[in-house]
Amino acid sequence: MPRLDVQDFIRLQFDPDTTRAGIDYVLRWLAQPGQRAAPTYDALREQVAEKAAELAFRRLLESEGIPHRFIESNTFQEAGVFDVSLGGRRTTLCTTLVSGRKDISRFHHYPARFLGAPALAPAEPHRRPGQGDEDLYLFAFVTGLVTRGHASLNRAMQAGQPVYLASLLPPAWASPPQWRAMADLALKSEEEDSLEIEVFGLDGARRFQSCPVTLPPRARVNVPAEFHTLTALRANRLPDARLGLHSPAVAASPKLLGPLDWHNLWAYGMQVFFVGYQTRGEFGRGAGVLRQGALALGVPAARQDYLTRPVNTLRPLPELFDLVHIWEDQRGKP
């Protein structure tokens, strides 16, 4: 087996549109019927990074001329989402977000540190049926700063950095006990200036939709779209007064949001390092377990249980890309 070397890593700078695409995915994912308890904002930022890395990976395949296809995801809650297939093998991109300022600096200046970092694959999806041992895990690290508190959020805004301010709504709004229209849905801001709000949720046909609403100062405005669930709101700037959400169809109405209820989903200065791959079977046979909440190099706290192996035990990506051409040739033979 070829020895993995830092020269085999592929390092890309993220475009802002990949970050925005990750946020758009997360907002749609939150609205899917049957969602469990709302995730933390840290978990959402990790998902944004994961989806941004997936888009960067697909662009890499296109730019390098690597043959690939798209196949529908085998995850129930991701209907309409497509995985990449390389040579007939389903590929799962396993991404770790590195968001600590010191860790980012160390990895950027000395990428060989990644060789001693853990390659992490979520444990629960690994156990599901529907994937074969010859399917592929490809591992990536995304480095980028995030704003976990309002002090760091204010610094980002003062520096003129982009922000995406979202507030998740509780189950009474996101998954109400009765499926019915939220009649007379309205918003009211206590601000002295106008505020732009975007509302996210499902319509009566369980389709994802969003609706922008302009809120004049201290005026009640009806939402001009029919929602059956509301999962999140987005504000164009950080409100400095309360925002009220009301519908007589929701028992917990009204819902009041203060300035501290808004959180930034954007990540800054992101780069992605595609470090290596292994087959699903090979990775699983030699993997250890990193438990939820545990610490690892570049990981302040694991948000779920992971299977883990050191990066330096992976196979190099140039080998994979060469194999894909061979696999495609073999698939084309009668």
C-alpha atoms as a PDB file:
ATOM      1  CA  MET A   1       0.000   0.000   0.000  1.00  0.00           C
ATOM      2  CA  PRO A   2       1.453   3.428  -0.947  1.00  0.00           C
ATOM      3  CA  ARG A   3       2.539   5.499   2.025  1.00  0.00           C
ATOM      4  CA  LEU A   4       0.458   8.639   2.523  1.00  0.00           C
ATOM      5  CA  ASP A   5       2.470  11.834   2.232  1.00  0.00           C
ATOM      6  CA  VAL A   6       1.556  15.469   2.791  1.00  0.00           C
ATOM      7  CA  GLN A   7       2.269  16.045  -0.912  1.00  0.00           C
ATOM      8  CA  ASP A   8      -0.791  13.904  -1.651  1.00  0.00           C
ATOM      9  CA  PHE A   9      -3.114  16.369   0.113  1.00  0.00           C
ATOM     10  CA  ILE A  10      -5.300  18.600  -2.044  1.00  0.00           C
ATOM     11  CA  ARG A  11      -5.719  22.072  -0.543  1.00  0.00           C
ATOM     12  CA  LEU A  12      -8.422  24.443  -1.817  1.00  0.00           C
ATOM     13  CA  GLN A  13      -9.614  27.893  -0.814  1.00  0.00           C
ATOM     14  CA  PHE A  14     -13.355  28.129  -0.318  1.00  0.00           C
ATOM     15  CA  ASP A  15     -15.370  30.604  -2.350  1.00  0.00           C
ATOM     16  CA  PRO A  16     -18.090  32.442  -0.397  1.00  0.00           C
ATOM     17  CA  ASP A  17     -20.731  30.793  -2.570  1.00  0.00           C
ATOM     18  CA  THR A  18     -19.755  27.356  -1.249  1.00  0.00           C
ATOM     19  CA  THR A  19     -20.382  28.594   2.296  1.00  0.00           C
ATOM     20  CA  ARG A  20     -23.747  30.029   1.269  1.00  0.00           C
ATOM     21  CA  ALA A  21     -24.634  26.744  -0.455  1.00  0.00           C
ATOM     22  CA  GLY A  22     -23.863  24.925   2.807  1.00  0.00           C
ATOM     23  CA  ILE A  23     -26.172  27.268   4.718  1.00  0.00           C
ATOM     24  CA  ASP A  24     -28.956  26.823   2.149  1.00  0.00           C
ATOM     25  CA  TYR A  25     -28.670  23.042   2.542  1.00  0.00           C
ATOM     26  CA  VAL A  26     -28.830  23.232   6.350  1.00  0.00           C
ATOM     27  CA  LEU A  27     -31.985  25.376   6.271  1.00  0.00           C
ATOM     28  CA  ARG A  28     -33.690  22.851   3.996  1.00  0.00           C
ATOM     29  CA  TRP A  29     -32.480  19.946   6.135  1.00  0.00           C
ATOM     30  CA  LEU A  30     -33.912  21.552   9.281  1.00  0.00           C
ATOM     31  CA  ALA A  31     -37.354  21.742   7.678  1.00  0.00           C
ATOM     32  CA  GLN A  32     -37.540  18.049   6.689  1.00  0.00           C
ATOM     33  CA  PRO A  33     -40.474  16.195   8.303  1.00  0.00           C
ATOM     34  CA  GLY A  34     -39.503  13.833  11.092  1.00  0.00           C
ATOM     35  CA  GLN A  35     -36.532  15.851  12.304  1.00  0.00           C
ATOM     36  CA  ARG A  36     -35.355  15.068  15.798  1.00  0.00           C
ATOM     37  CA  ALA A  37     -34.679  17.718  18.420  1.00  0.00           C
ATOM     38  CA  ALA A  38     -33.139  20.867  16.969  1.00  0.00           C
ATOM     39  CA  PRO A  39     -29.335  20.654  16.761  1.00  0.00           C
ATOM     40  CA  THR A  40     -27.020  23.122  18.415  1.00  0.00           C
ATOM     41  CA  TYR A  41     -25.731  26.076  16.428  1.00  0.00           C
ATOM     42  CA  ASP A  42     -22.225  24.589  16.634  1.00  0.00           C
ATOM     43  CA  ALA A  43     -23.569  21.413  15.002  1.00  0.00           C
ATOM     44  CA  LEU A  44     -25.227  23.497  12.287  1.00  0.00           C
ATOM     45  CA  ARG A  45     -21.963  25.299  11.541  1.00  0.00           C
ATOM     46  CA  GLU A  46     -20.241  21.934  11.210  1.00  0.00           C
ATOM     47  CA  GLN A  47     -22.921  20.837   8.738  1.00  0.00           C
ATOM     48  CA  VAL A  48     -22.431  24.057   6.772  1.00  0.00           C
ATOM     49  CA  ALA A  49     -18.717  23.236   6.488  1.00  0.00           C
ATOM     50  CA  GLU A  50     -19.475  19.635   5.482  1.00  0.00           C
ATOM     51  CA  LYS A  51     -21.813  20.650   2.678  1.00  0.00           C
ATOM     52  CA  ALA A  52     -19.455  23.384   1.508  1.00  0.00           C
ATOM     53  CA  ALA A  53     -16.694  20.759   1.312  1.00  0.00           C
ATOM     54  CA  GLU A  54     -18.974  18.461  -0.721  1.00  0.00           C
ATOM     55  CA  LEU A  55     -19.536  21.211  -3.265  1.00  0.00           C
ATOM     56  CA  ALA A  56     -15.789  21.914  -3.419  1.00  0.00           C
ATOM     57  CA  PHE A  57     -15.151  18.180  -3.951  1.00  0.00           C
ATOM     58  CA  ARG A  58     -17.594  18.014  -6.862  1.00  0.00           C
ATOM     59  CA  ARG A  59     -15.945  21.037  -8.446  1.00  0.00           C
ATOM     60  CA  LEU A  60     -12.563  19.349  -7.978  1.00  0.00           C
ATOM     61  CA  LEU A  61     -13.774  16.248  -9.823  1.00  0.00           C
ATOM     62  CA  GLU A  62     -15.006  18.426 -12.670  1.00  0.00           C
ATOM     63  CA  SER A  63     -11.801  20.460 -12.917  1.00  0.00           C
ATOM     64  CA  GLU A  64      -9.575  17.353 -12.812  1.00  0.00           C
ATOM     65  CA  GLY A  65     -11.685  15.437 -15.331  1.00  0.00           C
ATOM     66  CA  ILE A  66     -12.361  12.583 -12.898  1.00  0.00           C
ATOM     67  CA  PRO A  67     -15.278  10.448 -14.168  1.00  0.00           C
ATOM     68  CA  HIS A  68     -18.149  10.455 -11.693  1.00  0.00           C
ATOM     69  CA  ARG A  69     -21.904  10.034 -11.439  1.00  0.00           C
ATOM     70  CA  PHE A  70     -24.580  11.060  -8.993  1.00  0.00           C
ATOM     71  CA  ILE A  71     -26.787   8.535  -7.212  1.00  0.00           C
ATOM     72  CA  GLU A  72     -29.644   9.248  -4.830  1.00  0.00           C
ATOM     73  CA  SER A  73     -28.747   9.279  -1.160  1.00  0.00           C
ATOM     74  CA  ASN A  74     -29.751   6.167   0.780  1.00  0.00           C
ATOM     75  CA  THR A  75     -30.557   8.240   3.870  1.00  0.00           C
ATOM     76  CA  PHE A  76     -34.323   8.560   4.445  1.00  0.00           C
ATOM     77  CA  GLN A  77     -34.201  12.172   5.594  1.00  0.00           C
ATOM     78  CA  GLU A  78     -32.107  13.205   2.597  1.00  0.00           C
ATOM     79  CA  ALA A  79     -34.546  12.386  -0.203  1.00  0.00           C
ATOM     80  CA  GLY A  80     -33.590  14.349  -3.288  1.00  0.00           C
ATOM     81  CA  VAL A  81     -29.939  14.597  -2.169  1.00  0.00           C
ATOM     82  CA  PHE A  82     -27.370  12.828  -4.340  1.00  0.00           C
ATOM     83  CA  ASP A  83     -24.081  11.147  -3.466  1.00  0.00           C
ATOM     84  CA  VAL A  84     -21.068  10.928  -5.751  1.00  0.00           C
ATOM     85  CA  SER A  85     -20.279   7.560  -7.337  1.00  0.00           C
ATOM     86  CA  LEU A  86     -16.695   6.878  -8.479  1.00  0.00           C
ATOM     87  CA  GLY A  87     -16.293   3.832 -10.698  1.00  0.00           C
ATOM     88  CA  GLY A  88     -19.595   2.431  -9.410  1.00  0.00           C
ATOM     89  CA  ARG A  89     -18.599   2.915  -5.758  1.00  0.00           C
ATOM     90  CA  ARG A  90     -20.649   5.237  -3.546  1.00  0.00           C
ATOM     91  CA  THR A  91     -18.393   7.902  -2.022  1.00  0.00           C
ATOM     92  CA  THR A  92     -19.006   9.401   1.410  1.00  0.00           C
ATOM     93  CA  LEU A  93     -17.060  12.567   2.188  1.00  0.00           C
ATOM     94  CA  CYS A  94     -16.214  12.629   5.908  1.00  0.00           C
ATOM     95  CA  THR A  95     -15.399  16.196   6.927  1.00  0.00           C
ATOM     96  CA  THR A  96     -13.947  17.566  10.164  1.00  0.00           C
ATOM     97  CA  LEU A  97     -14.283  21.281  10.932  1.00  0.00           C
ATOM     98  CA  VAL A  98     -11.178  22.780  12.559  1.00  0.00           C
ATOM     99  CA  SER A  99     -12.293  26.101  14.041  1.00  0.00           C
ATOM    100  CA  GLY A 100      -9.804  26.822  16.829  1.00  0.00           C
ATOM    101  CA  ARG A 101      -7.596  29.776  15.902  1.00  0.00           C
ATOM    102  CA  LYS A 102      -4.366  28.099  17.094  1.00  0.00           C
ATOM    103  CA  ASP A 103      -5.218  24.778  15.414  1.00  0.00           C
ATOM    104  CA  ILE A 104      -5.942  26.558  12.131  1.00  0.00           C
ATOM    105  CA  SER A 105      -2.610  28.380  12.244  1.00  0.00           C
ATOM    106  CA  ARG A 106      -0.705  25.176  12.994  1.00  0.00           C
ATOM    107  CA  PHE A 107      -2.364  23.155  10.251  1.00  0.00           C
ATOM    108  CA  HIS A 108      -1.952  25.921   7.665  1.00  0.00           C
ATOM    109  CA  HIS A 109       1.747  26.418   8.407  1.00  0.00           C
ATOM    110  CA  TYR A 110       2.561  22.744   8.871  1.00  0.00           C
ATOM    111  CA  PRO A 111       0.037  20.554   7.026  1.00  0.00           C
ATOM    112  CA  ALA A 112       2.012  17.432   7.976  1.00  0.00           C
ATOM    113  CA  ARG A 113       0.266  17.727  11.349  1.00  0.00           C
ATOM    114  CA  PHE A 114      -2.794  16.287   9.626  1.00  0.00           C
ATOM    115  CA  LEU A 115      -0.930  12.971   9.317  1.00  0.00           C
ATOM    116  CA  GLY A 116      -1.299  12.512  13.069  1.00  0.00           C
ATOM    117  CA  ALA A 117      -4.878  13.770  13.240  1.00  0.00           C
ATOM    118  CA  PRO A 118      -7.884  11.413  13.420  1.00  0.00           C
ATOM    119  CA  ALA A 119      -9.838  10.598  10.277  1.00  0.00           C
ATOM    120  CA  LEU A 120     -13.439  10.501  11.508  1.00  0.00           C
ATOM    121  CA  ALA A 121     -16.441   8.708   9.992  1.00  0.00           C
ATOM    122  CA  PRO A 122     -19.818   8.991  11.787  1.00  0.00           C
ATOM    123  CA  ALA A 123     -20.460   5.682  13.532  1.00  0.00           C
ATOM    124  CA  GLU A 124     -24.257   5.482  13.234  1.00  0.00           C
ATOM    125  CA  PRO A 125     -24.459   5.852   9.420  1.00  0.00           C
ATOM    126  CA  HIS A 126     -21.603   3.328   9.057  1.00  0.00           C
ATOM    127  CA  ARG A 127     -23.796   0.657  10.652  1.00  0.00           C
ATOM    128  CA  ARG A 128     -26.767   1.229   8.341  1.00  0.00           C
ATOM    129  CA  PRO A 129     -27.456  -1.238   5.532  1.00  0.00           C
ATOM    130  CA  GLY A 130     -27.282  -0.128   1.938  1.00  0.00           C
ATOM    131  CA  GLN A 131     -23.546   0.358   1.477  1.00  0.00           C
ATOM    132  CA  GLY A 132     -20.921  -2.193   0.530  1.00  0.00           C
ATOM    133  CA  ASP A 133     -17.408  -2.771   1.818  1.00  0.00           C
ATOM    134  CA  GLU A 134     -16.007  -1.559  -1.521  1.00  0.00           C
ATOM    135  CA  ASP A 135     -17.738   1.801  -1.236  1.00  0.00           C
ATOM    136  CA  LEU A 136     -15.429   4.684  -0.388  1.00  0.00           C
ATOM    137  CA  TYR A 137     -14.773   7.039   2.505  1.00  0.00           C
ATOM    138  CA  LEU A 138     -12.909  10.189   1.494  1.00  0.00           C
ATOM    139  CA  PHE A 139     -11.615  12.385   4.323  1.00  0.00           C
ATOM    140  CA  ALA A 140     -11.354  16.156   4.479  1.00  0.00           C
ATOM    141  CA  PHE A 141     -10.549  18.845   7.020  1.00  0.00           C
ATOM    142  CA  VAL A 142     -12.114  22.289   6.762  1.00  0.00           C
ATOM    143  CA  THR A 143     -10.331  25.121   8.556  1.00  0.00           C
ATOM    144  CA  GLY A 144     -12.335  28.229   9.354  1.00  0.00           C
ATOM    145  CA  LEU A 145     -13.174  30.578  12.207  1.00  0.00           C
ATOM    146  CA  VAL A 146     -16.731  30.700  13.554  1.00  0.00           C
ATOM    147  CA  THR A 147     -18.514  33.102  15.909  1.00  0.00           C
ATOM    148  CA  ARG A 148     -19.719  31.092  18.885  1.00  0.00           C
ATOM    149  CA  GLY A 149     -20.689  34.077  21.037  1.00  0.00           C
ATOM    150  CA  HIS A 150     -21.946  37.596  20.560  1.00  0.00           C
ATOM    151  CA  ALA A 151     -18.573  39.128  21.391  1.00  0.00           C
ATOM    152  CA  SER A 152     -16.946  37.362  18.420  1.00  0.00           C
ATOM    153  CA  LEU A 153     -20.039  38.080  16.294  1.00  0.00           C
ATOM    154  CA  ASN A 154     -19.709  41.802  17.020  1.00  0.00           C
ATOM    155  CA  ARG A 155     -16.023  41.706  16.086  1.00  0.00           C
ATOM    156  CA  ALA A 156     -16.873  40.064  12.764  1.00  0.00           C
ATOM    157  CA  MET A 157     -19.538  42.666  11.993  1.00  0.00           C
ATOM    158  CA  GLN A 158     -17.250  45.557  12.959  1.00  0.00           C
ATOM    159  CA  ALA A 159     -14.627  44.146  10.570  1.00  0.00           C
ATOM    160  CA  GLY A 160     -17.175  44.163   7.747  1.00  0.00           C
ATOM    161  CA  GLN A 161     -17.267  40.360   7.482  1.00  0.00           C
ATOM    162  CA  PRO A 162     -20.344  38.644   6.017  1.00  0.00           C
ATOM    163  CA  VAL A 163     -22.796  37.181   8.527  1.00  0.00           C
ATOM    164  CA  TYR A 164     -25.817  34.924   8.278  1.00  0.00           C
ATOM    165  CA  LEU A 165     -27.979  35.543  11.342  1.00  0.00           C
ATOM    166  CA  ALA A 166     -30.489  32.792  12.048  1.00  0.00           C
ATOM    167  CA  SER A 167     -32.773  31.849  14.900  1.00  0.00           C
ATOM    168  CA  LEU A 168     -34.208  28.325  15.179  1.00  0.00           C
ATOM    169  CA  LEU A 169     -37.799  27.987  16.314  1.00  0.00           C
ATOM    170  CA  PRO A 170     -38.945  25.518  19.005  1.00  0.00           C
ATOM    171  CA  PRO A 171     -41.031  22.361  18.327  1.00  0.00           C
ATOM    172  CA  ALA A 172     -44.382  24.146  18.780  1.00  0.00           C
ATOM    173  CA  TRP A 173     -43.548  25.962  15.546  1.00  0.00           C
ATOM    174  CA  ALA A 174     -41.122  23.592  13.803  1.00  0.00           C
ATOM    175  CA  SER A 175     -43.115  20.371  14.318  1.00  0.00           C
ATOM    176  CA  PRO A 176     -46.580  21.257  15.643  1.00  0.00           C
ATOM    177  CA  PRO A 177     -48.821  18.403  16.853  1.00  0.00           C
ATOM    178  CA  GLN A 178     -51.467  19.172  14.206  1.00  0.00           C
ATOM    179  CA  TRP A 179     -50.782  19.565  10.496  1.00  0.00           C
ATOM    180  CA  ARG A 180     -52.639  22.745   9.620  1.00  0.00           C
ATOM    181  CA  ALA A 181     -52.005  26.184   8.239  1.00  0.00           C
ATOM    182  CA  MET A 182     -50.626  28.755  10.639  1.00  0.00           C
ATOM    183  CA  ALA A 183     -53.464  31.193  10.071  1.00  0.00           C
ATOM    184  CA  ASP A 184     -52.903  34.936  10.429  1.00  0.00           C
ATOM    185  CA  LEU A 185     -49.153  34.443  10.795  1.00  0.00           C
ATOM    186  CA  ALA A 186     -47.608  37.792  11.633  1.00  0.00           C
ATOM    187  CA  LEU A 187     -44.345  39.406  12.718  1.00  0.00           C
ATOM    188  CA  LYS A 188     -43.757  42.553  14.708  1.00  0.00           C
ATOM    189  CA  SER A 189     -40.486  44.296  15.488  1.00  0.00           C
ATOM    190  CA  GLU A 190     -39.917  46.636  18.435  1.00  0.00           C
ATOM    191  CA  GLU A 191     -37.025  48.289  16.587  1.00  0.00           C
ATOM    192  CA  GLU A 192     -36.802  51.972  15.713  1.00  0.00           C
ATOM    193  CA  ASP A 193     -35.613  51.113  12.182  1.00  0.00           C
ATOM    194  CA  SER A 194     -36.949  48.747   9.538  1.00  0.00           C
ATOM    195  CA  LEU A 195     -35.780  45.143   9.557  1.00  0.00           C
ATOM    196  CA  GLU A 196     -35.625  42.497   6.819  1.00  0.00           C
ATOM    197  CA  ILE A 197     -36.668  39.009   7.946  1.00  0.00           C
ATOM    198  CA  GLU A 198     -36.793  35.764   5.974  1.00  0.00           C
ATOM    199  CA  VAL A 199     -39.082  32.966   7.184  1.00  0.00           C
ATOM    200  CA  PHE A 200     -38.327  29.256   6.505  1.00  0.00           C
ATOM    201  CA  GLY A 201     -40.561  26.197   6.797  1.00  0.00           C
ATOM    202  CA  LEU A 202     -42.963  23.871   4.954  1.00  0.00           C
ATOM    203  CA  ASP A 203     -46.107  24.631   2.998  1.00  0.00           C
ATOM    204  CA  GLY A 204     -49.277  22.524   2.975  1.00  0.00           C
ATOM    205  CA  ALA A 205     -47.746  20.029   0.512  1.00  0.00           C
ATOM    206  CA  ARG A 206     -44.711  19.592   2.792  1.00  0.00           C
ATOM    207  CA  ARG A 207     -42.509  21.502   0.373  1.00  0.00           C
ATOM    208  CA  PHE A 208     -39.725  23.694   1.659  1.00  0.00           C
ATOM    209  CA  GLN A 209     -40.313  27.394   1.179  1.00  0.00           C
ATOM    210  CA  SER A 210     -38.975  30.739   2.320  1.00  0.00           C
ATOM    211  CA  CYS A 211     -40.662  34.124   2.414  1.00  0.00           C
ATOM    212  CA  PRO A 212     -39.043  37.565   2.872  1.00  0.00           C
ATOM    213  CA  VAL A 213     -40.859  40.099   5.048  1.00  0.00           C
ATOM    214  CA  THR A 214     -40.020  43.780   5.539  1.00  0.00           C
ATOM    215  CA  LEU A 215     -40.870  44.981   9.043  1.00  0.00           C
ATOM    216  CA  PRO A 216     -41.366  48.728   9.499  1.00  0.00           C
ATOM    217  CA  PRO A 217     -40.647  50.091  12.994  1.00  0.00           C
ATOM    218  CA  ARG A 218     -43.143  48.864  15.594  1.00  0.00           C
ATOM    219  CA  ALA A 219     -45.648  47.675  12.997  1.00  0.00           C
ATOM    220  CA  ARG A 220     -47.354  44.293  12.749  1.00  0.00           C
ATOM    221  CA  VAL A 221     -46.978  42.647   9.313  1.00  0.00           C
ATOM    222  CA  ASN A 222     -48.751  39.520   8.080  1.00  0.00           C
ATOM    223  CA  VAL A 223     -46.537  36.932   6.365  1.00  0.00           C
ATOM    224  CA  PRO A 224     -47.724  36.785   2.716  1.00  0.00           C
ATOM    225  CA  ALA A 225     -47.299  32.997   2.394  1.00  0.00           C
ATOM    226  CA  GLU A 226     -49.045  30.035   3.999  1.00  0.00           C
ATOM    227  CA  PHE A 227     -46.858  27.932   6.302  1.00  0.00           C
ATOM    228  CA  HIS A 228     -47.683  24.711   8.112  1.00  0.00           C
ATOM    229  CA  THR A 229     -44.347  24.621   9.949  1.00  0.00           C
ATOM    230  CA  LEU A 230     -41.799  27.317  10.755  1.00  0.00           C
ATOM    231  CA  THR A 231     -38.270  26.122  11.431  1.00  0.00           C
ATOM    232  CA  ALA A 232     -36.062  29.223  11.304  1.00  0.00           C
ATOM    233  CA  LEU A 233     -35.893  32.955  10.763  1.00  0.00           C
ATOM    234  CA  ARG A 234     -33.115  34.973   9.201  1.00  0.00           C
ATOM    235  CA  ALA A 235     -32.413  38.660   9.902  1.00  0.00           C
ATOM    236  CA  ASN A 236     -30.453  40.947   7.572  1.00  0.00           C
ATOM    237  CA  ARG A 237     -28.713  42.493  10.589  1.00  0.00           C
ATOM    238  CA  LEU A 238     -28.482  41.848  14.307  1.00  0.00           C
ATOM    239  CA  PRO A 239     -31.702  43.152  15.912  1.00  0.00           C
ATOM    240  CA  ASP A 240     -31.250  45.346  18.972  1.00  0.00           C
ATOM    241  CA  ALA A 241     -34.839  44.923  20.183  1.00  0.00           C
ATOM    242  CA  ARG A 242     -37.374  42.136  20.466  1.00  0.00           C
ATOM    243  CA  LEU A 243     -39.114  40.490  17.529  1.00  0.00           C
ATOM    244  CA  GLY A 244     -42.530  38.890  17.987  1.00  0.00           C
ATOM    245  CA  LEU A 245     -43.970  35.974  15.976  1.00  0.00           C
ATOM    246  CA  HIS A 246     -47.687  35.256  16.309  1.00  0.00           C
ATOM    247  CA  SER A 247     -50.304  32.861  14.964  1.00  0.00           C
ATOM    248  CA  PRO A 248     -53.566  31.897  16.718  1.00  0.00           C
ATOM    249  CA  ALA A 249     -53.041  28.364  15.322  1.00  0.00           C
ATOM    250  CA  VAL A 250     -49.962  27.839  17.543  1.00  0.00           C
ATOM    251  CA  ALA A 251     -50.583  27.203  21.236  1.00  0.00           C
ATOM    252  CA  ALA A 252     -47.210  28.656  22.249  1.00  0.00           C
ATOM    253  CA  SER A 253     -47.863  31.917  20.391  1.00  0.00           C
ATOM    254  CA  PRO A 254     -46.576  34.578  20.599  1.00  0.00           C
ATOM    255  CA  LYS A 255     -42.893  33.703  20.326  1.00  0.00           C
ATOM    256  CA  LEU A 256     -40.565  36.543  21.332  1.00  0.00           C
ATOM    257  CA  LEU A 257     -36.957  36.675  20.125  1.00  0.00           C
ATOM    258  CA  GLY A 258     -34.371  38.948  21.738  1.00  0.00           C
ATOM    259  CA  PRO A 259     -30.962  40.031  20.409  1.00  0.00           C
ATOM    260  CA  LEU A 260     -29.263  37.036  22.061  1.00  0.00           C
ATOM    261  CA  ASP A 261     -31.503  34.582  20.178  1.00  0.00           C
ATOM    262  CA  TRP A 262     -29.735  35.239  16.843  1.00  0.00           C
ATOM    263  CA  HIS A 263     -26.664  33.201  15.866  1.00  0.00           C
ATOM    264  CA  ASN A 264     -24.238  33.444  12.963  1.00  0.00           C
ATOM    265  CA  LEU A 265     -23.934  30.384  10.687  1.00  0.00           C
ATOM    266  CA  TRP A 266     -21.088  31.798   8.570  1.00  0.00           C
ATOM    267  CA  ALA A 267     -17.507  30.511   8.790  1.00  0.00           C
ATOM    268  CA  TYR A 268     -14.497  32.618   7.851  1.00  0.00           C
ATOM    269  CA  GLY A 269     -11.274  32.067   5.928  1.00  0.00           C
ATOM    270  CA  MET A 270     -12.195  28.487   5.155  1.00  0.00           C
ATOM    271  CA  GLN A 271      -9.832  26.154   3.375  1.00  0.00           C
ATOM    272  CA  VAL A 272     -10.397  22.476   2.697  1.00  0.00           C
ATOM    273  CA  PHE A 273      -7.723  19.793   2.851  1.00  0.00           C
ATOM    274  CA  PHE A 274      -8.674  16.549   1.107  1.00  0.00           C
ATOM    275  CA  VAL A 275      -6.234  14.194   2.810  1.00  0.00           C
ATOM    276  CA  GLY A 276      -6.914  10.592   1.765  1.00  0.00           C
ATOM    277  CA  TYR A 277      -9.372   7.741   1.350  1.00  0.00           C
ATOM    278  CA  GLN A 278     -10.139   4.146   2.304  1.00  0.00           C
ATOM    279  CA  THR A 279     -12.780   1.632   1.389  1.00  0.00           C
ATOM    280  CA  ARG A 280     -15.631   1.396   3.848  1.00  0.00           C
ATOM    281  CA  GLY A 281     -14.725  -2.169   4.777  1.00  0.00           C
ATOM    282  CA  GLU A 282     -11.032  -1.458   5.266  1.00  0.00           C
ATOM    283  CA  PHE A 283     -11.705   1.584   7.426  1.00  0.00           C
ATOM    284  CA  GLY A 284     -14.266  -0.169   9.601  1.00  0.00           C
ATOM    285  CA  ARG A 285     -12.092  -3.216  10.295  1.00  0.00           C
ATOM    286  CA  GLY A 286      -9.229  -1.197  11.751  1.00  0.00           C
ATOM    287  CA  ALA A 287     -11.149   1.677  13.345  1.00  0.00           C
ATOM    288  CA  GLY A 288     -11.350   2.726  16.942  1.00  0.00           C
ATOM    289  CA  VAL A 289     -14.195   4.785  18.427  1.00  0.00           C
ATOM    290  CA  LEU A 290     -14.229   8.460  19.417  1.00  0.00           C
ATOM    291  CA  ARG A 291     -17.200   8.997  21.730  1.00  0.00           C
ATOM    292  CA  GLN A 292     -19.507  11.981  21.627  1.00  0.00           C
ATOM    293  CA  GLY A 293     -18.012  14.875  23.593  1.00  0.00           C
ATOM    294  CA  ALA A 294     -14.468  13.488  23.470  1.00  0.00           C
ATOM    295  CA  LEU A 295     -11.479  15.596  22.410  1.00  0.00           C
ATOM    296  CA  ALA A 296      -9.088  14.926  19.538  1.00  0.00           C
ATOM    297  CA  LEU A 297      -6.487  16.840  17.562  1.00  0.00           C
ATOM    298  CA  GLY A 298      -8.354  19.705  15.906  1.00  0.00           C
ATOM    299  CA  VAL A 299     -11.689  18.571  17.431  1.00  0.00           C
ATOM    300  CA  PRO A 300     -12.731  20.445  20.626  1.00  0.00           C
ATOM    301  CA  ALA A 301     -15.684  18.093  21.287  1.00  0.00           C
ATOM    302  CA  ALA A 302     -17.075  15.353  19.043  1.00  0.00           C
ATOM    303  CA  ARG A 303     -20.784  16.022  18.331  1.00  0.00           C
ATOM    304  CA  GLN A 304     -21.555  12.306  17.872  1.00  0.00           C
ATOM    305  CA  ASP A 305     -19.823   8.918  18.057  1.00  0.00           C
ATOM    306  CA  TYR A 306     -17.228   8.421  15.316  1.00  0.00           C
ATOM    307  CA  LEU A 307     -15.160   5.572  13.955  1.00  0.00           C
ATOM    308  CA  THR A 308     -11.583   6.782  13.788  1.00  0.00           C
ATOM    309  CA  ARG A 309      -8.203   5.913  12.313  1.00  0.00           C
ATOM    310  CA  PRO A 310      -5.069   8.068  12.025  1.00  0.00           C
ATOM    311  CA  VAL A 311      -4.857  10.026   8.795  1.00  0.00           C
ATOM    312  CA  ASN A 312      -1.434   8.498   8.080  1.00  0.00           C
ATOM    313  CA  THR A 313      -3.088   5.066   7.641  1.00  0.00           C
ATOM    314  CA  LEU A 314      -5.238   6.279   4.732  1.00  0.00           C
ATOM    315  CA  ARG A 315      -4.526   5.790   1.049  1.00  0.00           C
ATOM    316  CA  PRO A 316      -3.364   8.716  -1.121  1.00  0.00           C
ATOM    317  CA  LEU A 317      -5.862  10.503  -3.340  1.00  0.00           C
ATOM    318  CA  PRO A 318      -3.748  10.364  -6.528  1.00  0.00           C
ATOM    319  CA  GLU A 319      -4.020   6.568  -6.294  1.00  0.00           C
ATOM    320  CA  LEU A 320      -7.803   6.837  -6.052  1.00  0.00           C
ATOM    321  CA  PHE A 321      -8.108   9.128  -9.058  1.00  0.00           C
ATOM    322  CA  ASP A 322      -5.972   6.749 -11.134  1.00  0.00           C
ATOM    323  CA  LEU A 323      -8.135   3.812 -10.023  1.00  0.00           C
ATOM    324  CA  VAL A 324     -11.328   5.611 -11.005  1.00  0.00           C
ATOM    325  CA  HIS A 325     -10.187   5.718 -14.639  1.00  0.00           C
ATOM    326  CA  ILE A 326      -9.379   1.986 -14.486  1.00  0.00           C
ATOM    327  CA  TRP A 327     -12.736   1.149 -12.890  1.00  0.00           C
ATOM    328  CA  GLU A 328     -14.570   3.161 -15.535  1.00  0.00           C
ATOM    329  CA  ASP A 329     -12.712   1.334 -18.310  1.00  0.00           C
ATOM    330  CA  GLN A 330     -13.647  -2.000 -16.753  1.00  0.00           C
ATOM    331  CA  ARG A 331     -17.299  -0.955 -16.424  1.00  0.00           C
ATOM    332  CA  GLY A 332     -17.376  -0.066 -20.117  1.00  0.00           C
ATOM    333  CA  LYS A 333     -16.182  -3.511 -21.255  1.00  0.00           C
ATOM    334  CA  PRO A 334     -18.807  -6.085 -22.352  1.00  0.00           C
END
